[in-house]
C-alpha atoms as a PDB file:
ATOM      1  CA  SER A   1     288.762 119.133-109.610  1.00  0.00           C
ATOM      2  CA  PHE A   2     286.664 119.969-106.455  1.00  0.00           C
ATOM      3  CA  PRO A   3     288.766 118.088-103.740  1.00  0.00           C
ATOM      4  CA  THR A   4     292.010 119.908-104.062  1.00  0.00           C
ATOM      5  CA  ARG A   5     290.714 123.340-105.093  1.00  0.00           C
ATOM      6  CA  ARG A   6     288.267 124.039-102.259  1.00  0.00           C
ATOM      7  CA  SER A   7     287.974 121.153 -99.357  1.00  0.00           C
ATOM      8  CA  SER A   8     291.343 123.533 -97.984  1.00  0.00           C
ATOM      9  CA  ASP A   9     289.394 126.283 -98.302  1.00  0.00           C
ATOM     10  CA  LEU A  10     286.216 124.853 -96.120  1.00  0.00           C
ATOM     11  CA  ILE A  11     288.580 124.205 -93.526  1.00  0.00           C
ATOM     12  CA  HIS A  12     290.137 127.356 -93.453  1.00  0.00           C
ATOM     13  CA  ILE A  13     286.391 128.791 -93.022  1.00  0.00           C
ATOM     14  CA  THR A  14     286.527 126.653 -89.734  1.00  0.00           C
ATOM     15  CA  VAL A  15     289.513 128.119 -88.624  1.00  0.00           C
ATOM     16  CA  GLN A  16     288.709 131.097 -89.638  1.00  0.00           C
ATOM     17  CA  ALA A  17     285.596 130.951 -87.171  1.00  0.00           C
ATOM     18  CA  ILE A  18     287.469 129.547 -84.021  1.00  0.00           C
ATOM     19  CA  SER A  19     289.872 132.500 -84.292  1.00  0.00           C
ATOM     20  CA  LEU A  20     287.913 135.169 -85.323  1.00  0.00           C
ATOM     21  CA  TYR A  21     284.494 134.684 -83.687  1.00  0.00           C
ATOM     22  CA  LEU A  22     285.237 132.369 -80.870  1.00  0.00           C
ATOM     23  CA  HIS A  23     288.911 133.680 -80.426  1.00  0.00           C
ATOM     24  CA  ARG A  24     289.451 137.670 -81.393  1.00  0.00           C
ATOM     25  CA  ASP A  25     285.250 138.257 -81.040  1.00  0.00           C
ATOM     26  CA  GLN A  26     284.350 136.751 -77.910  1.00  0.00           C
ATOM     27  CA  THR A  27     287.154 135.691 -75.782  1.00  0.00           C
ATOM     28  CA  HIS A  28     289.011 138.290 -76.380  1.00  0.00           C
ATOM     29  CA  ARG A  29     286.460 141.519 -76.745  1.00  0.00           C
ATOM     30  CA  SER A  30     288.893 142.638 -79.268  1.00  0.00           C
ATOM     31  CA  VAL A  31     286.951 142.896 -82.173  1.00  0.00           C
ATOM     32  CA  ASP A  32     283.343 143.134 -82.459  1.00  0.00           C
ATOM     33  CA  LEU A  33     281.416 141.671 -85.725  1.00  0.00           C
ATOM     34  CA  LYS A  34     278.307 142.698 -86.363  1.00  0.00           C
ATOM     35  CA  PRO A  35     275.428 139.962 -86.047  1.00  0.00           C
ATOM     36  CA  GLY A  36     275.233 139.041 -89.283  1.00  0.00           C
ATOM     37  CA  LEU A  37     279.287 137.601 -89.660  1.00  0.00           C
ATOM     38  CA  ARG A  38     278.937 136.896 -86.142  1.00  0.00           C
ATOM     39  CA  ASN A  39     276.000 134.034 -86.490  1.00  0.00           C
ATOM     40  CA  PHE A  40     277.320 132.841 -89.555  1.00  0.00           C
ATOM     41  CA  TYR A  41     280.298 131.918 -87.991  1.00  0.00           C
ATOM     42  CA  LYS A  42     277.882 130.209 -85.075  1.00  0.00           C
ATOM     43  CA  ILE A  43     276.304 128.620 -88.126  1.00  0.00           C
ATOM     44  CA  TRP A  44     279.451 127.027 -89.613  1.00  0.00           C
ATOM     45  CA  LEU A  45     280.918 125.515 -86.462  1.00  0.00           C
ATOM     46  CA  TRP A  46     277.271 123.942 -85.967  1.00  0.00           C
ATOM     47  CA  TRP A  47     277.563 122.970 -89.145  1.00  0.00           C
ATOM     48  CA  SER A  48     281.177 121.981 -89.051  1.00  0.00           C
ATOM     49  CA  SER A  49     282.157 121.216 -85.770  1.00  0.00           C
ATOM     50  CA  GLY A  50     279.218 119.910 -83.820  1.00  0.00           C
ATOM     51  CA  MET A  51     279.744 122.962 -81.634  1.00  0.00           C
ATOM     52  CA  SER A  52     275.984 124.499 -80.507  1.00  0.00           C
ATOM     53  CA  PRO A  53     276.271 127.925 -79.154  1.00  0.00           C
ATOM     54  CA  LYS A  54     276.253 126.672 -75.677  1.00  0.00           C
ATOM     55  CA  GLN A  55     279.293 124.836 -76.677  1.00  0.00           C
ATOM     56  CA  ASP A  56     280.719 127.992 -77.721  1.00  0.00           C
ATOM     57  CA  LEU A  57     280.557 129.628 -74.720  1.00  0.00           C
ATOM     58  CA  GLU A  58     281.931 126.884 -72.944  1.00  0.00           C
ATOM     59  CA  TRP A  59     285.305 127.054 -75.104  1.00  0.00           C
ATOM     60  CA  ILE A  60     285.232 130.531 -74.295  1.00  0.00           C
ATOM     61  CA  GLY A  61     285.603 129.996 -70.801  1.00  0.00           C
ATOM     62  CA  LEU A  62     288.386 127.482 -70.842  1.00  0.00           C
ATOM     63  CA  HIS A  63     290.236 129.416 -73.298  1.00  0.00           C
ATOM     64  CA  ARG A  64     289.645 133.094 -70.726  1.00  0.00           C
ATOM     65  CA  LYS A  65     290.639 130.477 -67.724  1.00  0.00           C
ATOM     66  CA  HIS A  66     293.902 129.648 -69.936  1.00  0.00           C
ATOM     67  CA  HIS A  67     295.170 133.208 -69.399  1.00  0.00           C
ATOM     68  CA  ALA A  68     294.163 133.952 -66.342  1.00  0.00           C
ATOM     69  CA  LYS A  69     295.883 130.649 -65.093  1.00  0.00           C
ATOM     70  CA  ALA A  70     298.660 130.359 -67.562  1.00  0.00           C
ATOM     71  CA  ASP A  71     301.243 127.326 -66.977  1.00  0.00           C
ATOM     72  CA  SER A  72     299.454 127.059 -63.400  1.00  0.00           C
ATOM     73  CA  GLU A  73     298.364 123.714 -62.461  1.00  0.00           C
ATOM     74  CA  GLU A  74     295.240 124.699 -62.981  1.00  0.00           C
ATOM     75  CA  ASP A  75     295.634 125.681 -67.074  1.00  0.00           C
ATOM     76  CA  PRO A  76     293.493 123.541 -68.469  1.00  0.00           C
ATOM     77  CA  HIS A  77     296.113 123.796 -71.720  1.00  0.00           C
ATOM     78  CA  ASN A  78     299.419 123.465 -69.196  1.00  0.00           C
ATOM     79  CA  PRO A  79     301.068 121.251 -71.383  1.00  0.00           C
ATOM     80  CA  GLU A  80     303.819 121.236 -68.334  1.00  0.00           C
ATOM     81  CA  SER A  81     301.773 119.490 -66.224  1.00  0.00           C
ATOM     82  CA  ILE A  82     299.721 117.759 -68.189  1.00  0.00           C
ATOM     83  CA  GLY A  83     302.458 116.508 -70.385  1.00  0.00           C
ATOM     84  CA  PRO A  84     302.691 117.668 -73.769  1.00  0.00           C
ATOM     85  CA  TRP A  85     302.234 114.599 -75.940  1.00  0.00           C
ATOM     86  CA  LYS A  86     299.858 113.522 -73.790  1.00  0.00           C
ATOM     87  CA  LEU A  87     297.943 117.138 -74.304  1.00  0.00           C
ATOM     88  CA  PHE A  88     298.188 116.446 -77.933  1.00  0.00           C
ATOM     89  CA  VAL A  89     296.967 112.925 -78.260  1.00  0.00           C
ATOM     90  CA  LEU A  90     294.554 113.552 -76.050  1.00  0.00           C
ATOM     91  CA  ALA A  91     293.582 116.837 -76.433  1.00  0.00           C
ATOM     92  CA  TYR A  92     289.384 115.899 -77.164  1.00  0.00           C
ATOM     93  CA  PRO A  93     288.969 113.963 -74.231  1.00  0.00           C
ATOM     94  CA  LEU A  94     290.984 116.359 -71.793  1.00  0.00           C
ATOM     95  CA  TYR A  95     288.779 119.218 -72.951  1.00  0.00           C
ATOM     96  CA  VAL A  96     285.858 117.580 -72.215  1.00  0.00           C
ATOM     97  CA  LYS A  97     287.012 116.820 -68.473  1.00  0.00           C
ATOM     98  CA  GLU A  98     287.849 120.292 -68.087  1.00  0.00           C
ATOM     99  CA  VAL A  99     284.449 121.291 -69.209  1.00  0.00           C
ATOM    100  CA  LYS A 100     282.627 119.602 -66.501  1.00  0.00           C
ATOM    101  CA  LYS A 101     285.252 121.488 -63.984  1.00  0.00           C
ATOM    102  CA  LEU A 102     283.974 125.116 -65.459  1.00  0.00           C
ATOM    103  CA  TYR A 103     281.004 124.239 -63.846  1.00  0.00           C
ATOM    104  CA  THR A 104     282.106 122.335 -60.385  1.00  0.00           C
ATOM    105  CA  ARG A 105     284.846 124.726 -59.425  1.00  0.00           C
ATOM    106  CA  LYS A 106     284.201 128.238 -58.037  1.00  0.00           C
ATOM    107  CA  VAL A 107     285.823 131.420 -58.325  1.00  0.00           C
ATOM    108  CA  GLY A 108     284.333 133.157 -55.592  1.00  0.00           C
ATOM    109  CA  SER A 109     280.564 132.599 -54.802  1.00  0.00           C
ATOM    110  CA  GLU A 110     280.332 131.581 -58.755  1.00  0.00           C
ATOM    111  CA  THR A 111     280.860 128.925 -60.540  1.00  0.00           C
ATOM    112  CA  GLU A 112     284.235 128.887 -62.876  1.00  0.00           C
ATOM    113  CA  TYR A 113     281.447 129.018 -65.893  1.00  0.00           C
ATOM    114  CA  ALA A 114     279.577 131.920 -64.489  1.00  0.00           C
ATOM    115  CA  HIS A 115     282.892 133.910 -63.874  1.00  0.00           C
ATOM    116  CA  TYR A 116     285.120 133.297 -67.279  1.00  0.00           C
ATOM    117  CA  THR A 117     281.803 133.504 -69.352  1.00  0.00           C
ATOM    118  CA  ARG A 118     280.737 137.150 -67.534  1.00  0.00           C
ATOM    119  CA  GLY A 119     278.945 139.785 -70.180  1.00  0.00           C
ATOM    120  CA  LEU A 120     278.163 136.923 -72.921  1.00  0.00           C
ATOM    121  CA  SER A 121     274.567 135.065 -73.261  1.00  0.00           C
ATOM    122  CA  ASN A 122     274.082 132.382 -75.693  1.00  0.00           C
ATOM    123  CA  ASP A 123     269.659 132.565 -74.914  1.00  0.00           C
ATOM    124  CA  THR A 124     268.813 134.552 -77.927  1.00  0.00           C
ATOM    125  CA  THR A 125     266.020 132.794 -80.140  1.00  0.00           C
ATOM    126  CA  PHE A 126     269.006 131.917 -82.986  1.00  0.00           C
ATOM    127  CA  ASP A 127     270.878 130.389 -80.094  1.00  0.00           C
ATOM    128  CA  ARG A 128     267.796 128.549 -78.634  1.00  0.00           C
ATOM    129  CA  ILE A 129     267.346 126.390 -81.939  1.00  0.00           C
ATOM    130  CA  LEU A 130     270.850 125.489 -82.605  1.00  0.00           C
ATOM    131  CA  ASN A 131     271.300 124.640 -79.070  1.00  0.00           C
ATOM    132  CA  SER A 132     268.178 122.207 -79.353  1.00  0.00           C
ATOM    133  CA  LEU A 133     269.612 120.695 -82.677  1.00  0.00           C
ATOM    134  CA  PRO A 134     273.201 119.541 -81.595  1.00  0.00           C
ATOM    135  CA  PHE A 135     273.871 116.572 -84.017  1.00  0.00           C
ATOM    136  CA  VAL A 136     271.708 117.874 -86.771  1.00  0.00           C
ATOM    137  CA  GLY A 137     274.863 120.567 -88.252  1.00  0.00           C
ATOM    138  CA  LEU A 138     277.245 117.701 -88.611  1.00  0.00           C
ATOM    139  CA  THR A 139     274.978 115.257 -90.037  1.00  0.00           C
ATOM    140  CA  LEU A 140     274.238 117.633 -92.357  1.00  0.00           C
ATOM    141  CA  SER A 141     278.192 118.672 -93.499  1.00  0.00           C
ATOM    142  CA  LEU A 142     278.909 114.853 -93.580  1.00  0.00           C
ATOM    143  CA  ALA A 143     275.449 114.282 -96.035  1.00  0.00           C
ATOM    144  CA  THR A 144     276.934 117.425 -98.163  1.00  0.00           C
ATOM    145  CA  TYR A 145     280.693 116.297 -98.395  1.00  0.00           C
ATOM    146  CA  SER A 146     279.334 113.098 -99.199  1.00  0.00           C
ATOM    147  CA  ILE A 147     277.289 114.303-101.983  1.00  0.00           C
ATOM    148  CA  LEU A 148     280.486 116.604-103.237  1.00  0.00           C
ATOM    149  CA  LEU A 149     282.927 114.471-102.727  1.00  0.00           C
ATOM    150  CA  GLY A 150     282.384 111.205-102.712  1.00  0.00           C
ATOM    151  CA  TRP A 151     284.369 109.583 -99.718  1.00  0.00           C
ATOM    152  CA  PHE A 152     286.825 112.324-100.237  1.00  0.00           C
ATOM    153  CA  GLY A 153     284.329 114.237 -98.204  1.00  0.00           C
ATOM    154  CA  PHE A 154     284.355 112.205 -95.225  1.00  0.00           C
ATOM    155  CA  VAL A 155     288.207 113.067 -94.960  1.00  0.00           C
ATOM    156  CA  VAL A 156     287.181 116.341 -94.933  1.00  0.00           C
ATOM    157  CA  TRP A 157     283.939 116.444 -93.094  1.00  0.00           C
ATOM    158  CA  PHE A 158     286.440 114.535 -90.544  1.00  0.00           C
ATOM    159  CA  LEU A 159     289.281 116.827 -90.640  1.00  0.00           C
ATOM    160  CA  GLN A 160     287.025 119.880 -89.889  1.00  0.00           C
ATOM    161  CA  PHE A 161     285.530 117.957 -86.833  1.00  0.00           C
ATOM    162  CA  LEU A 162     289.183 117.325 -85.502  1.00  0.00           C
ATOM    163  CA  TRP A 163     290.660 120.473 -85.893  1.00  0.00           C
ATOM    164  CA  MET A 164     288.828 122.407 -82.996  1.00  0.00           C
ATOM    165  CA  PRO A 165     290.754 119.966 -80.396  1.00  0.00           C
ATOM    166  CA  VAL A 166     293.658 119.189 -82.105  1.00  0.00           C
ATOM    167  CA  ALA A 167     294.609 122.064 -83.790  1.00  0.00           C
ATOM    168  CA  ALA A 168     293.200 124.917 -81.239  1.00  0.00           C
ATOM    169  CA  GLY A 169     294.013 122.430 -78.071  1.00  0.00           C
ATOM    170  CA  GLY A 170     296.602 120.410 -79.310  1.00  0.00           C
ATOM    171  CA  VAL A 171     298.637 122.194 -81.589  1.00  0.00           C
ATOM    172  CA  ILE A 172     298.814 125.786 -80.847  1.00  0.00           C
ATOM    173  CA  ASN A 173     298.899 124.787 -76.687  1.00  0.00           C
ATOM    174  CA  VAL A 174     301.574 122.295 -76.701  1.00  0.00           C
ATOM    175  CA  LEU A 175     304.117 123.740 -79.438  1.00  0.00           C
ATOM    176  CA  GLY A 176     303.064 127.318 -78.647  1.00  0.00           C
ATOM    177  CA  HIS A 177     304.460 127.034 -74.957  1.00  0.00           C
ATOM    178  CA  THR A 178     307.426 124.475 -75.631  1.00  0.00           C
ATOM    179  CA  ILE A 179     308.922 125.996 -78.834  1.00  0.00           C
ATOM    180  CA  GLY A 180     309.420 128.590 -80.877  1.00  0.00           C
ATOM    181  CA  HIS A 181     310.580 132.122 -79.895  1.00  0.00           C
ATOM    182  CA  ILE A 182     309.622 134.490 -77.524  1.00  0.00           C
ATOM    183  CA  PRO A 183     309.624 138.454 -79.123  1.00  0.00           C
ATOM    184  CA  TYR A 184     307.983 139.506 -76.453  1.00  0.00           C
ATOM    185  CA  GLN A 185     308.572 139.085 -72.413  1.00  0.00           C
ATOM    186  CA  THR A 186     305.457 137.729 -70.540  1.00  0.00           C
ATOM    187  CA  LYS A 187     304.542 135.831 -67.820  1.00  0.00           C
ATOM    188  CA  ASP A 188     304.243 132.568 -69.165  1.00  0.00           C
ATOM    189  CA  THR A 189     306.053 130.540 -71.468  1.00  0.00           C
ATOM    190  CA  SER A 190     303.913 131.615 -74.430  1.00  0.00           C
ATOM    191  CA  ARG A 191     305.979 131.233 -77.591  1.00  0.00           C
ATOM    192  CA  SER A 192     305.825 132.458 -81.381  1.00  0.00           C
ATOM    193  CA  LEU A 193     305.868 129.426 -84.426  1.00  0.00           C
ATOM    194  CA  SER A 194     306.356 132.456 -86.567  1.00  0.00           C
ATOM    195  CA  PRO A 195     310.022 131.949 -88.553  1.00  0.00           C
ATOM    196  CA  THR A 196     312.854 134.567 -87.493  1.00  0.00           C
ATOM    197  CA  THR A 197     314.874 135.210 -90.659  1.00  0.00           C
ATOM    198  CA  PRO A 198     313.429 133.943 -94.416  1.00  0.00           C
ATOM    199  CA  GLY A 199     314.899 130.570 -94.819  1.00  0.00           C
ATOM    200  CA  PHE A 200     317.358 129.191 -97.524  1.00  0.00           C
ATOM    201  CA  LEU A 201     315.573 129.585-100.911  1.00  0.00           C
ATOM    202  CA  GLY A 202     312.600 131.484 -98.696  1.00  0.00           C
ATOM    203  CA  TRP A 203     311.236 127.676 -97.563  1.00  0.00           C
ATOM    204  CA  LYS A 204     310.444 128.909 -94.559  1.00  0.00           C
ATOM    205  CA  TRP A 205     307.663 131.132 -95.867  1.00  0.00           C
ATOM    206  CA  ILE A 206     305.930 127.628 -96.668  1.00  0.00           C
ATOM    207  CA  LEU A 207     305.654 127.829 -93.269  1.00  0.00           C
ATOM    208  CA  VAL A 208     304.297 131.386 -93.163  1.00  0.00           C
ATOM    209  CA  VAL A 209     301.411 130.334 -95.132  1.00  0.00           C
ATOM    210  CA  LEU A 210     300.799 127.238 -94.145  1.00  0.00           C
ATOM    211  CA  PHE A 211     300.497 128.086 -90.337  1.00  0.00           C
ATOM    212  CA  ASN A 212     298.319 130.779 -91.370  1.00  0.00           C
ATOM    213  CA  TRP A 213     295.993 128.576 -93.552  1.00  0.00           C
ATOM    214  CA  GLY A 214     295.843 126.016 -90.616  1.00  0.00           C
ATOM    215  CA  THR A 215     295.224 128.383 -87.568  1.00  0.00           C
ATOM    216  CA  CYS A 216     294.513 131.626 -89.135  1.00  0.00           C
ATOM    217  CA  GLY A 217     297.170 133.732 -87.315  1.00  0.00           C
ATOM    218  CA  GLU A 218     297.059 131.998 -83.947  1.00  0.00           C
ATOM    219  CA  HIS A 219     300.854 130.466 -84.391  1.00  0.00           C
ATOM    220  CA  LEU A 220     301.512 134.163 -83.229  1.00  0.00           C
ATOM    221  CA  HIS A 221     300.605 132.431 -79.801  1.00  0.00           C
ATOM    222  CA  ASN A 222     303.575 134.578 -77.633  1.00  0.00           C
ATOM    223  CA  PRO A 223     302.534 138.488 -79.424  1.00  0.00           C
ATOM    224  CA  HIS A 224     298.711 137.500 -78.157  1.00  0.00           C
ATOM    225  CA  HIS A 225     299.790 136.721 -75.038  1.00  0.00           C
ATOM    226  CA  ASN A 226     301.893 139.892 -74.359  1.00  0.00           C
ATOM    227  CA  GLN A 227     298.549 141.923 -75.504  1.00  0.00           C
ATOM    228  CA  PRO A 228     295.456 139.111 -75.132  1.00  0.00           C
ATOM    229  CA  GLY A 229     293.353 142.716 -76.123  1.00  0.00           C
ATOM    230  CA  SER A 230     294.866 143.353 -79.310  1.00  0.00           C
ATOM    231  CA  ALA A 231     293.158 142.004 -82.659  1.00  0.00           C
ATOM    232  CA  SER A 232     296.421 141.627 -84.237  1.00  0.00           C
ATOM    233  CA  PHE A 233     298.754 139.386 -82.939  1.00  0.00           C
ATOM    234  CA  GLY A 234     301.132 141.509 -83.357  1.00  0.00           C
ATOM    235  CA  PRO A 235     303.227 143.556 -86.222  1.00  0.00           C
ATOM    236  CA  SER A 236     301.451 141.434 -88.997  1.00  0.00           C
ATOM    237  CA  ARG A 237     304.823 142.090 -91.613  1.00  0.00           C
ATOM    238  CA  LYS A 238     306.172 140.343 -93.324  1.00  0.00           C
ATOM    239  CA  LEU A 239     307.464 136.426 -91.513  1.00  0.00           C
ATOM    240  CA  ASN A 240     304.711 137.670 -88.698  1.00  0.00           C
ATOM    241  CA  PHE A 241     301.961 137.636 -91.181  1.00  0.00           C
ATOM    242  CA  ASP A 242     298.527 137.505 -89.268  1.00  0.00           C
ATOM    243  CA  ILE A 243     295.363 136.184 -91.652  1.00  0.00           C
ATOM    244  CA  GLY A 244     293.459 136.436 -89.299  1.00  0.00           C
ATOM    245  CA  TYR A 245     293.953 139.930 -88.317  1.00  0.00           C
ATOM    246  CA  TRP A 246     293.970 140.669 -92.538  1.00  0.00           C
ATOM    247  CA  TRP A 247     290.674 138.518 -93.008  1.00  0.00           C
ATOM    248  CA  LEU A 248     289.362 141.223 -90.340  1.00  0.00           C
ATOM    249  CA  VAL A 249     290.693 144.814 -92.425  1.00  0.00           C
ATOM    250  CA  GLN A 250     288.703 143.364 -95.223  1.00  0.00           C
ATOM    251  CA  PHE A 251     285.637 142.090 -93.258  1.00  0.00           C
ATOM    252  CA  ASN A 252     285.457 145.682 -91.677  1.00  0.00           C
ATOM    253  CA  LYS A 253     286.015 147.472 -95.143  1.00  0.00           C
ATOM    254  CA  ILE A 254     282.430 145.850 -96.860  1.00  0.00           C
ATOM    255  CA  GLY A 255     281.167 147.105 -93.318  1.00  0.00           C
ATOM    256  CA  LEU A 256     280.732 143.260 -91.871  1.00  0.00           C
ATOM    257  CA  ILE A 257     282.692 144.940 -88.194  1.00  0.00           C
ATOM    258  CA  ASN A 258     281.413 147.517 -85.784  1.00  0.00           C
ATOM    259  CA  SER A 259     285.142 148.437 -84.113  1.00  0.00           C
ATOM    260  CA  ILE A 260     288.559 146.621 -83.968  1.00  0.00           C
ATOM    261  CA  ARG A 261     290.824 147.106 -81.102  1.00  0.00           C
ATOM    262  CA  VAL A 262     295.091 146.867 -82.177  1.00  0.00           C
ATOM    263  CA  SER A 263     297.799 147.664 -80.127  1.00  0.00           C
ATOM    264  CA  ALA A 264     299.757 150.780 -80.556  1.00  0.00           C
ATOM    265  CA  ASP A 265     302.752 148.435 -79.716  1.00  0.00           C
ATOM    266  CA  TYR A 266     301.902 146.258 -82.785  1.00  0.00           C
ATOM    267  CA  GLY A 267     302.568 149.469 -85.276  1.00  0.00           C
ATOM    268  CA  HIS A 268     298.661 149.902 -86.567  1.00  0.00           C
END
């Protein structure tokens, strides 16, 4: 019974780490996680996805560049210039290619990497230890899943490894700029993947649950682009429910967060 009851929870923690730590805490600074929670997510990504703190900064740099260059030829996630199917299917190799560009291209006198990761650091003793053990995390997670789940453990392990480039890089950046609706007029093509009305027998609520489980609220892409400095991706109610913000509220209640910034436009 463990695979059916717990494997989805493990994957959702990976999605949490991406959305709450990499995206809201580090990229946009809309929430300030306390070191204990932040380091937990660092370890989890190192363990589940093979990402070191150095690679966390590369992810952050690319996402900041995405917001700065949205829909332009320089946007690392632009489905129009790259091609939606290519961006979706080749999300991982394209991501690696764009990371390399961060270190070679310049913004003024500094590299894009230095420019888009300004104010952040991965040079603590804790970070250096994780940086020095790049494949140990993935090896440990594969061993753990195999012991707990048998052959199904490899499936869960592989899904977690792919979740970063496919869900974060492919699904959100392709679908979030090509389909869906536009509740806020922004300067880019960002769209929201949330349903607009409850469907027949409420079937669209299933989409709300799946999107929140699979992206931790990142499917609300247009509201996020409208107010990137907000920890909540839009009015977090009903069909626009943002489970990522809900998690932040719960963590704040038990003292794991220093501060949360939410746009007044989103009614919190």
